[in-house]
N, C-alpha and C. Protein backbone atom coordinates (compact mmCIF):
# COMPACT_ATOMS: atom_id res chain seq x y z
N MET A 1 -3.42 23.91 -22.66
CA MET A 1 -4.11 22.61 -23.36
C MET A 1 -4.52 21.06 -22.29
N ALA A 2 -5.38 21.11 -21.76
CA ALA A 2 -5.88 19.99 -21.19
C ALA A 2 -5.51 18.49 -21.96
N VAL A 3 -5.36 17.85 -21.22
CA VAL A 3 -5.55 16.19 -22.28
C VAL A 3 -5.80 15.31 -20.74
N ASN A 4 -7.23 14.78 -21.59
CA ASN A 4 -7.78 13.91 -21.54
C ASN A 4 -7.26 13.07 -21.55
N ASN A 5 -6.99 12.61 -19.65
CA ASN A 5 -6.31 11.78 -19.44
C ASN A 5 -7.16 10.50 -18.99
N PRO A 6 -7.22 9.13 -19.21
CA PRO A 6 -8.35 8.34 -19.05
C PRO A 6 -7.55 7.40 -17.15
N TYR A 7 -6.29 7.81 -17.22
CA TYR A 7 -5.96 7.27 -14.97
C TYR A 7 -6.10 8.31 -14.46
N VAL A 8 -5.99 8.00 -13.71
CA VAL A 8 -6.13 8.56 -12.34
C VAL A 8 -4.88 7.93 -11.44
N TRP A 9 -3.76 8.62 -10.69
CA TRP A 9 -2.60 8.21 -10.07
C TRP A 9 -2.45 8.23 -8.67
N GLY A 10 -1.64 7.92 -7.52
CA GLY A 10 -2.09 7.83 -6.44
C GLY A 10 -0.52 6.94 -6.37
N THR A 11 -0.02 7.82 -5.28
CA THR A 11 1.41 7.42 -4.42
C THR A 11 0.83 7.08 -2.53
N GLY A 12 2.23 5.56 -2.82
CA GLY A 12 1.60 4.89 -1.60
C GLY A 12 2.71 4.63 -1.02
N ARG A 13 3.15 4.61 0.09
CA ARG A 13 5.09 4.73 1.03
C ARG A 13 4.44 3.84 2.37
N ARG A 14 4.62 2.82 3.21
CA ARG A 14 4.66 1.75 4.16
C ARG A 14 5.97 1.62 4.75
N LYS A 15 6.34 1.71 5.56
CA LYS A 15 8.01 2.18 6.06
C LYS A 15 8.98 1.91 5.26
N SER A 16 9.55 1.22 4.74
CA SER A 16 10.78 2.27 3.11
C SER A 16 10.07 1.69 1.48
N ALA A 17 8.52 0.60 1.67
CA ALA A 17 8.03 0.82 0.34
C ALA A 17 8.26 2.45 -0.11
N THR A 18 7.86 1.53 -1.98
CA THR A 18 6.59 3.16 -2.41
C THR A 18 6.00 2.90 -3.59
N ALA A 19 4.61 2.51 -3.35
CA ALA A 19 4.12 2.48 -4.58
C ALA A 19 3.49 3.51 -5.64
N ARG A 20 3.63 3.55 -7.14
CA ARG A 20 2.54 3.87 -7.65
C ARG A 20 2.02 3.87 -8.51
N VAL A 21 0.50 4.10 -8.36
CA VAL A 21 -0.71 3.18 -8.56
C VAL A 21 -2.00 4.13 -9.84
N ARG A 22 -1.45 3.04 -10.29
CA ARG A 22 -2.52 4.37 -11.71
C ARG A 22 -4.11 3.02 -12.10
N ILE A 23 -4.67 4.13 -12.00
CA ILE A 23 -6.24 3.10 -12.18
C ILE A 23 -6.91 3.06 -13.14
N LYS A 24 -7.91 3.01 -14.27
CA LYS A 24 -9.11 3.05 -15.25
C LYS A 24 -9.86 2.60 -14.87
N ALA A 25 -10.52 3.31 -15.03
CA ALA A 25 -12.28 2.23 -15.05
C ALA A 25 -12.00 1.04 -16.44
N GLY A 26 -12.78 0.17 -15.17
CA GLY A 26 -12.57 -1.25 -16.27
C GLY A 26 -13.30 -2.84 -16.15
N SER A 27 -12.05 -3.36 -15.37
CA SER A 27 -12.94 -5.29 -15.63
C SER A 27 -12.34 -5.22 -14.15
N GLY A 28 -11.58 -5.45 -13.69
CA GLY A 28 -10.90 -5.65 -12.03
C GLY A 28 -9.34 -6.04 -12.46
N LYS A 29 -8.49 -6.15 -13.60
CA LYS A 29 -6.94 -6.40 -13.76
C LYS A 29 -6.24 -5.71 -12.88
N ILE A 30 -5.78 -6.44 -11.64
CA ILE A 30 -4.65 -5.93 -11.18
C ILE A 30 -3.12 -6.37 -11.08
N VAL A 31 -2.78 -5.50 -12.28
CA VAL A 31 -0.85 -5.85 -12.14
C VAL A 31 -0.07 -5.22 -11.00
N ILE A 32 1.23 -6.02 -10.97
CA ILE A 32 1.88 -4.87 -10.10
C ILE A 32 4.18 -5.50 -10.16
N ASN A 33 4.59 -4.71 -10.86
CA ASN A 33 5.89 -4.94 -11.25
C ASN A 33 5.32 -5.56 -11.87
N GLY A 34 4.76 -5.34 -13.22
CA GLY A 34 4.77 -6.82 -14.51
C GLY A 34 4.15 -8.36 -14.19
N LEU A 35 3.47 -8.49 -12.88
CA LEU A 35 3.20 -9.49 -13.04
C LEU A 35 1.58 -9.25 -12.02
N GLU A 36 0.41 -10.38 -12.37
CA GLU A 36 -0.18 -10.32 -11.73
C GLU A 36 -0.40 -10.52 -10.10
N PHE A 37 -1.55 -9.47 -9.39
CA PHE A 37 -1.97 -9.46 -8.58
C PHE A 37 -1.48 -10.72 -7.70
N GLU A 38 -1.85 -11.96 -8.12
CA GLU A 38 -1.27 -13.38 -7.14
C GLU A 38 -0.31 -14.07 -7.59
N GLN A 39 0.45 -13.72 -8.45
CA GLN A 39 2.05 -14.16 -8.43
C GLN A 39 2.83 -13.25 -7.29
N PHE A 40 2.21 -11.72 -7.55
CA PHE A 40 3.02 -11.48 -6.83
C PHE A 40 2.41 -10.94 -5.22
N PHE A 41 2.19 -10.21 -4.83
CA PHE A 41 1.45 -11.14 -3.03
C PHE A 41 0.53 -12.83 -3.37
N VAL A 42 1.28 -13.34 -2.41
CA VAL A 42 1.44 -14.57 -3.02
C VAL A 42 0.49 -15.54 -1.41
N THR A 43 0.83 -14.59 -0.98
CA THR A 43 -0.22 -14.87 0.52
C THR A 43 -0.88 -14.68 1.06
N ASP A 44 -2.09 -15.38 1.56
CA ASP A 44 -3.32 -14.25 1.64
C ASP A 44 -3.51 -12.65 2.61
N ASP A 45 -2.50 -13.09 3.92
CA ASP A 45 -2.69 -11.66 4.09
C ASP A 45 -2.20 -10.40 3.19
N SER A 46 -1.38 -10.61 2.43
CA SER A 46 -1.01 -9.09 1.63
C SER A 46 -2.33 -9.36 0.76
N ARG A 47 -2.45 -10.06 0.35
CA ARG A 47 -3.67 -9.52 -0.87
C ARG A 47 -4.46 -8.50 -0.68
N ARG A 48 -5.41 -9.30 0.93
CA ARG A 48 -6.26 -8.72 1.56
C ARG A 48 -5.14 -7.58 1.99
N GLN A 49 -4.58 -6.96 2.59
CA GLN A 49 -4.25 -5.93 2.78
C GLN A 49 -4.02 -4.54 1.35
N ALA A 50 -3.17 -5.24 -0.08
CA ALA A 50 -3.21 -4.57 -0.66
C ALA A 50 -5.07 -4.11 -1.56
N ALA A 51 -5.90 -5.25 -1.13
CA ALA A 51 -6.60 -5.11 -1.71
C ALA A 51 -7.57 -4.68 -0.66
N MET A 52 -7.73 -4.05 -0.06
CA MET A 52 -8.64 -3.49 1.06
C MET A 52 -9.36 -2.48 0.96
N PRO A 53 -8.60 -1.18 -0.40
CA PRO A 53 -9.75 -0.12 -0.50
C PRO A 53 -11.34 -0.90 -1.54
N LEU A 54 -10.19 -1.31 -2.16
CA LEU A 54 -11.47 -1.73 -3.60
C LEU A 54 -12.47 -2.95 -2.64
N THR A 55 -12.19 -3.50 -0.97
CA THR A 55 -12.75 -4.20 -0.81
C THR A 55 -14.03 -3.12 0.38
N VAL A 56 -13.70 -2.57 0.93
CA VAL A 56 -14.37 -1.16 0.83
C VAL A 56 -15.63 -0.22 -0.17
N THR A 57 -14.84 -0.96 -1.19
CA THR A 57 -15.66 0.83 -1.56
C THR A 57 -16.68 -0.41 -2.03
N GLU A 58 -16.81 -1.57 -2.33
CA GLU A 58 -17.28 -2.04 -3.28
C GLU A 58 -16.71 -2.28 -5.23
N SER A 59 -15.53 -1.73 -4.87
CA SER A 59 -15.33 -1.54 -6.57
C SER A 59 -13.91 -2.31 -7.27
N ARG A 60 -14.18 -3.44 -6.49
CA ARG A 60 -13.12 -4.64 -7.10
C ARG A 60 -13.53 -4.71 -8.36
N ASN A 61 -13.84 -4.94 -8.98
CA ASN A 61 -14.25 -5.32 -10.34
C ASN A 61 -14.34 -4.19 -11.59
N ASN A 62 -14.21 -2.80 -10.90
CA ASN A 62 -14.76 -1.72 -11.78
C ASN A 62 -13.52 -1.03 -12.35
N TYR A 63 -12.67 -1.39 -12.05
CA TYR A 63 -11.11 -0.75 -11.92
C TYR A 63 -10.69 -1.10 -12.57
N ASP A 64 -9.50 -1.55 -13.52
CA ASP A 64 -7.88 -2.23 -13.98
C ASP A 64 -6.63 -1.12 -13.30
N ILE A 65 -6.16 -1.83 -12.31
CA ILE A 65 -4.66 -1.36 -11.59
C ILE A 65 -3.52 -1.46 -11.70
N TRP A 66 -2.65 -0.42 -12.89
CA TRP A 66 -1.18 -0.76 -12.72
C TRP A 66 -0.16 -0.24 -11.33
N ALA A 67 0.31 -1.16 -11.26
CA ALA A 67 1.54 -0.51 -10.04
C ALA A 67 2.56 -0.85 -9.66
N ASN A 68 3.79 0.14 -9.92
CA ASN A 68 5.11 0.17 -9.13
C ASN A 68 5.20 0.16 -7.70
N VAL A 69 5.32 -1.30 -7.78
CA VAL A 69 6.60 -1.23 -6.09
C VAL A 69 7.76 -1.03 -6.55
N ASP A 70 8.42 -0.66 -5.15
CA ASP A 70 10.02 0.36 -5.26
C ASP A 70 10.14 -0.03 -3.39
N GLY A 71 11.11 -0.72 -2.91
CA GLY A 71 11.55 -0.97 -1.82
C GLY A 71 11.12 -1.93 -1.21
N GLY A 72 11.58 -2.44 0.73
CA GLY A 72 10.53 -2.23 1.56
C GLY A 72 11.10 -4.42 1.26
N GLY A 73 9.75 -5.00 2.51
CA GLY A 73 9.41 -6.73 2.28
C GLY A 73 8.13 -6.61 1.29
N ILE A 74 7.47 -7.87 1.52
CA ILE A 74 6.03 -6.83 1.41
C ILE A 74 5.24 -7.16 2.14
N THR A 75 4.91 -6.97 3.55
CA THR A 75 4.52 -5.99 4.44
C THR A 75 4.03 -4.64 3.99
N GLY A 76 5.18 -3.75 3.13
CA GLY A 76 5.85 -2.28 3.80
C GLY A 76 5.39 -2.71 2.13
N GLN A 77 5.33 -3.23 1.50
CA GLN A 77 4.61 -3.46 -0.38
C GLN A 77 3.18 -3.89 -0.22
N ALA A 78 2.51 -4.24 0.27
CA ALA A 78 1.69 -4.72 1.19
C ALA A 78 0.71 -3.40 1.01
N GLY A 79 1.33 -2.69 2.14
CA GLY A 79 0.28 -1.19 2.33
C GLY A 79 0.69 -0.59 0.96
N ALA A 80 1.75 -0.65 0.26
CA ALA A 80 1.55 1.08 0.14
C ALA A 80 1.11 0.74 -1.25
N VAL A 81 0.79 -0.14 -0.98
CA VAL A 81 0.13 -0.30 -2.75
C VAL A 81 -1.36 -0.11 -2.01
N SER A 82 -1.44 -0.48 -1.09
CA SER A 82 -3.14 -0.02 -0.08
C SER A 82 -3.08 1.78 0.40
N LEU A 83 -2.56 1.52 -0.29
CA LEU A 83 -2.71 2.95 0.33
C LEU A 83 -2.36 4.09 -1.05
N GLY A 84 -1.88 3.37 -1.98
CA GLY A 84 -1.86 4.31 -3.34
C GLY A 84 -3.01 4.26 -3.92
N ILE A 85 -3.35 2.88 -3.88
CA ILE A 85 -5.06 2.64 -4.80
C ILE A 85 -6.27 3.89 -3.57
N ALA A 86 -6.29 3.34 -2.22
CA ALA A 86 -6.93 4.19 -2.09
C ALA A 86 -6.93 5.65 -2.14
N ARG A 87 -5.76 6.49 -2.27
CA ARG A 87 -5.46 7.63 -2.85
C ARG A 87 -5.80 8.26 -4.14
N ALA A 88 -5.76 7.26 -5.11
CA ALA A 88 -5.89 7.09 -6.44
C ALA A 88 -7.55 6.09 -6.68
N LEU A 89 -7.91 6.09 -5.40
CA LEU A 89 -10.36 6.01 -6.20
C LEU A 89 -10.97 7.35 -4.68
N CYS A 90 -9.86 8.15 -3.94
CA CYS A 90 -10.16 9.01 -3.69
C CYS A 90 -10.68 9.81 -4.42
N ILE A 91 -9.91 10.36 -5.44
CA ILE A 91 -9.58 11.53 -6.48
C ILE A 91 -10.56 11.36 -7.94
N ASP A 92 -10.08 9.67 -8.37
CA ASP A 92 -11.20 9.62 -9.00
C ASP A 92 -13.14 9.59 -8.92
N ASN A 93 -12.73 8.74 -7.52
CA ASN A 93 -15.37 9.57 -6.89
C ASN A 93 -14.41 9.37 -5.67
N VAL A 94 -15.26 10.94 -5.50
CA VAL A 94 -15.67 11.99 -3.76
C VAL A 94 -16.13 11.00 -3.18
N ASN A 95 -17.38 10.12 -3.55
CA ASN A 95 -17.83 9.46 -2.44
C ASN A 95 -17.23 8.97 -1.45
N PHE A 96 -16.14 8.19 -2.29
CA PHE A 96 -15.84 6.87 -1.38
C PHE A 96 -14.23 7.35 -0.25
N ASP A 97 -14.32 8.64 -0.19
CA ASP A 97 -13.66 9.32 1.08
C ASP A 97 -14.00 8.79 1.75
N ARG A 98 -15.58 9.46 2.51
CA ARG A 98 -15.60 8.53 4.07
C ARG A 98 -16.43 8.14 4.05
N THR A 99 -15.55 6.26 3.24
CA THR A 99 -16.03 5.03 3.46
C THR A 99 -14.42 4.76 3.91
N LEU A 100 -13.84 5.76 2.46
CA LEU A 100 -12.32 4.52 3.21
C LEU A 100 -11.19 5.16 4.61
N ARG A 101 -11.65 6.14 4.81
CA ARG A 101 -11.66 7.76 6.24
C ARG A 101 -11.93 6.70 7.49
N ASP A 102 -13.26 6.04 7.04
CA ASP A 102 -13.91 5.65 8.01
C ASP A 102 -13.06 3.79 8.20
N HIS A 103 -12.13 3.82 6.88
CA HIS A 103 -11.54 2.40 8.12
C HIS A 103 -10.25 2.36 7.72
N SER A 104 -9.78 3.90 8.16
CA SER A 104 -8.19 4.48 7.71
C SER A 104 -7.48 3.95 6.35
N LEU A 105 -7.82 4.51 5.56
CA LEU A 105 -7.86 3.50 4.85
C LEU A 105 -7.00 5.33 4.06
N LEU A 106 -6.81 5.67 4.32
CA LEU A 106 -6.10 7.55 4.08
C LEU A 106 -5.02 7.64 4.71
N THR A 107 -5.39 6.79 6.19
CA THR A 107 -3.27 7.51 6.67
C THR A 107 -2.67 6.81 6.39
N ARG A 108 -1.79 8.16 6.52
CA ARG A 108 -0.37 7.40 6.30
C ARG A 108 -0.03 6.67 7.37
N ASP A 109 0.84 5.23 7.29
CA ASP A 109 2.10 4.52 8.45
C ASP A 109 2.91 4.75 8.77
N SER A 110 2.97 6.02 9.91
CA SER A 110 4.03 6.58 9.95
C SER A 110 5.45 6.25 11.06
N ARG A 111 5.13 4.64 10.89
CA ARG A 111 6.09 3.91 11.90
C ARG A 111 6.81 3.33 11.08
N GLU A 112 8.95 3.36 11.42
CA GLU A 112 9.20 2.92 10.40
C GLU A 112 10.66 2.11 11.59
N VAL A 113 11.21 1.26 10.65
CA VAL A 113 12.66 0.85 11.53
C VAL A 113 13.02 2.21 12.43
N GLU A 114 13.15 1.27 13.46
CA GLU A 114 14.81 1.95 14.93
C GLU A 114 15.74 1.74 14.42
N ARG A 115 16.55 2.63 14.89
CA ARG A 115 17.94 1.94 13.95
C ARG A 115 18.45 1.36 15.81
N LYS A 116 19.51 0.84 15.22
CA LYS A 116 20.09 -0.14 16.35
C LYS A 116 21.67 1.28 17.21
N LYS A 117 21.13 0.80 18.21
CA LYS A 117 21.91 1.98 19.31
C LYS A 117 23.78 1.06 19.41
N TYR A 118 24.56 2.08 19.64
CA TYR A 118 25.74 1.44 19.99
C TYR A 118 25.37 0.34 21.71
N GLY A 119 26.03 -0.40 22.56
CA GLY A 119 25.94 -0.97 23.38
C GLY A 119 24.97 -1.69 23.45
N ARG A 120 24.81 -2.44 21.95
CA ARG A 120 23.37 -2.93 22.41
C ARG A 120 22.96 -4.16 21.54
N HIS A 121 22.36 -5.06 21.63
CA HIS A 121 21.99 -5.35 20.46
C HIS A 121 21.21 -5.44 19.87
N LYS A 122 20.21 -4.85 19.62
CA LYS A 122 19.44 -4.88 19.22
C LYS A 122 18.92 -2.99 19.02
N ALA A 123 17.82 -2.41 18.69
CA ALA A 123 17.77 -1.28 18.72
C ALA A 123 17.87 -1.23 20.59
N ARG A 124 16.45 -1.79 20.92
CA ARG A 124 15.81 -1.89 22.77
C ARG A 124 16.78 -2.79 23.69
N ARG A 125 17.65 -4.09 22.62
CA ARG A 125 17.36 -5.51 23.52
C ARG A 125 18.83 -5.06 24.35
N SER A 126 18.64 -5.29 25.28
CA SER A 126 20.24 -4.98 26.53
C SER A 126 21.00 -6.45 25.96
N THR A 127 22.15 -5.86 26.80
CA THR A 127 23.40 -7.19 27.12
C THR A 127 22.07 -7.91 28.22
N GLN A 128 23.00 -9.17 28.80
CA GLN A 128 21.98 -9.51 29.31
C GLN A 128 22.41 -9.57 30.51
N PHE A 129 21.98 -9.51 31.87
CA PHE A 129 22.52 -8.76 32.92
C PHE A 129 23.28 -10.12 33.85
N SER A 130 23.78 -9.84 34.24
CA SER A 130 24.92 -10.61 34.97
C SER A 130 25.60 -9.75 36.34
N LYS A 131 24.53 -11.13 37.25
CA LYS A 131 24.81 -10.73 39.28
C LYS A 131 26.08 -10.76 39.40
N ARG A 132 27.06 -12.02 39.32
CA ARG A 132 28.82 -12.22 39.15
C ARG A 132 29.81 -11.82 37.67
């Protein structure tokens, strides 16, 4: 027996951040970890990044969005929320697929932090060369 669920789920990951996003048709309210969108993402750059799928598909005021984000920093969390929203929008409306793909919003950014190696200051930064 199938349950008629009004929510559509999407999972997004970026660096070490993971976002579980739930969308539903509504008035454009966005809540992340229990906080309003503007309270959670305080910089314009992170807000723009997180809301990019809604801007591209011109559906900013058509969906209510709830997201739980864990791990990483501000940039990783904004990217994770963006991917989660994009995946949920694609499931909800198949017509958004082409637009989201053209703006590379359905592609998972697989870049991770490179580990520090022994004998070096950072992952690649070597010690200063000494001639004498």
